[in-house]
């Protein structure tokens, strides 16, 4: 069974790009805003969440905060994806509970490695 990744981004092209890169190895669900993603999370539990910061209706910070306050998603790995490269943005994401932060445009190989790192932590890895 494939691991499930929830992608939350209001840019359709980014959702399609992430789905294209990841769907061979993972089940990828794309949702275009934080509110709809929270509704989806009511009945579903992904193995990993990738979210943009700048979105309409609810930004990525608010979405991440809500995800971390829910008992069943509290420990779901979370990767922030943003065009913002400033250190203060990364720090804020880490303080809110994100495990990783990738900047747009992202390198597909780096995306693949960050996803693997979060889905298969080194202490659970079968091979090194």
Foldseek 3Di string as FASTA:
>chain_A
DAFEEEEEAQDVVVLVVCCVLPVVRHHYHYDHDLVVVVVVVVPDDGQEYEYEQDHPPHGPLRSLLVQCVDPRSVPRAYEYEYQDDDPVVQVSCVVSPHPYYAYPPGDSVVVVVVVCCSNQPPVNDPDD
